[in-house]
Amino acid sequence: MARNVAIGVQDFETLITNDYFYIDKTNFIKEWWEAGDAVTLITRPRRFEKP
């Protein structure tokens, strides 16, 4: 059975409990940090982590 993409879900526990598709970007962040670029733009999803 195919996994669903959790659009709008901002809670890790909900992602795991409902077996939603999740991509861990930890290594990407490490590589980006070590690249040492002068300027980097990182955007966040709208209303992400806001009460």
Protein backbone atom coordinates (compact mmCIF):
# COMPACT_ATOMS: atom_id res chain seq x y z
CA MET A 1 0.00 0.00 0.00
CA ALA A 2 1.31 3.47 -0.88
CA ARG A 3 2.06 5.94 1.89
CA ASN A 4 0.31 9.29 2.02
CA VAL A 5 2.14 12.59 1.91
CA ALA A 6 1.20 14.60 4.98
CA ILE A 7 0.44 18.04 3.63
CA GLY A 8 -0.06 20.52 6.44
CA VAL A 9 0.97 18.13 9.24
CA GLN A 10 3.54 19.86 11.45
CA ASP A 11 3.79 17.34 14.27
CA PHE A 12 6.41 14.57 14.11
CA GLU A 13 4.36 12.27 16.34
CA THR A 14 1.39 12.49 13.94
CA LEU A 15 3.68 11.71 10.98
CA ILE A 16 4.99 8.57 12.63
CA THR A 17 1.70 7.35 14.16
CA ASN A 18 -0.19 7.65 10.89
CA ASP A 19 2.71 6.22 8.84
CA TYR A 20 2.93 9.28 6.60
CA PHE A 21 5.76 9.71 4.10
CA TYR A 22 8.67 11.54 5.75
CA ILE A 23 12.09 12.62 4.46
CA ASP A 24 14.87 13.19 6.98
CA LYS A 25 17.03 16.12 5.80
CA THR A 26 19.60 15.93 8.61
CA ASN A 27 22.49 15.06 6.27
CA PHE A 28 21.43 17.79 3.83
CA ILE A 29 21.62 20.40 6.60
CA LYS A 30 25.06 19.15 7.65
CA GLU A 31 26.37 19.36 4.07
CA TRP A 32 24.87 22.84 3.65
CA TRP A 33 26.44 24.04 6.89
CA GLU A 34 29.88 22.70 5.98
CA ALA A 35 29.75 24.20 2.47
CA GLY A 36 30.40 27.65 3.94
CA ASP A 37 28.46 29.62 1.31
CA ALA A 38 28.42 33.39 1.80
CA VAL A 39 24.65 33.68 1.40
CA THR A 40 21.92 31.08 1.73
CA LEU A 41 18.16 31.55 1.70
CA ILE A 42 16.20 29.02 3.73
CA THR A 43 12.45 29.47 3.68
CA ARG A 44 9.88 27.82 5.91
CA PRO A 45 6.39 26.66 5.10
CA ARG A 46 3.64 29.19 5.76
CA ARG A 47 2.55 29.20 9.43
CA PHE A 48 5.20 26.58 10.31
CA GLU A 49 5.65 26.25 14.09
CA LYS A 50 3.39 29.18 14.89
CA PRO A 51 0.77 28.87 17.63
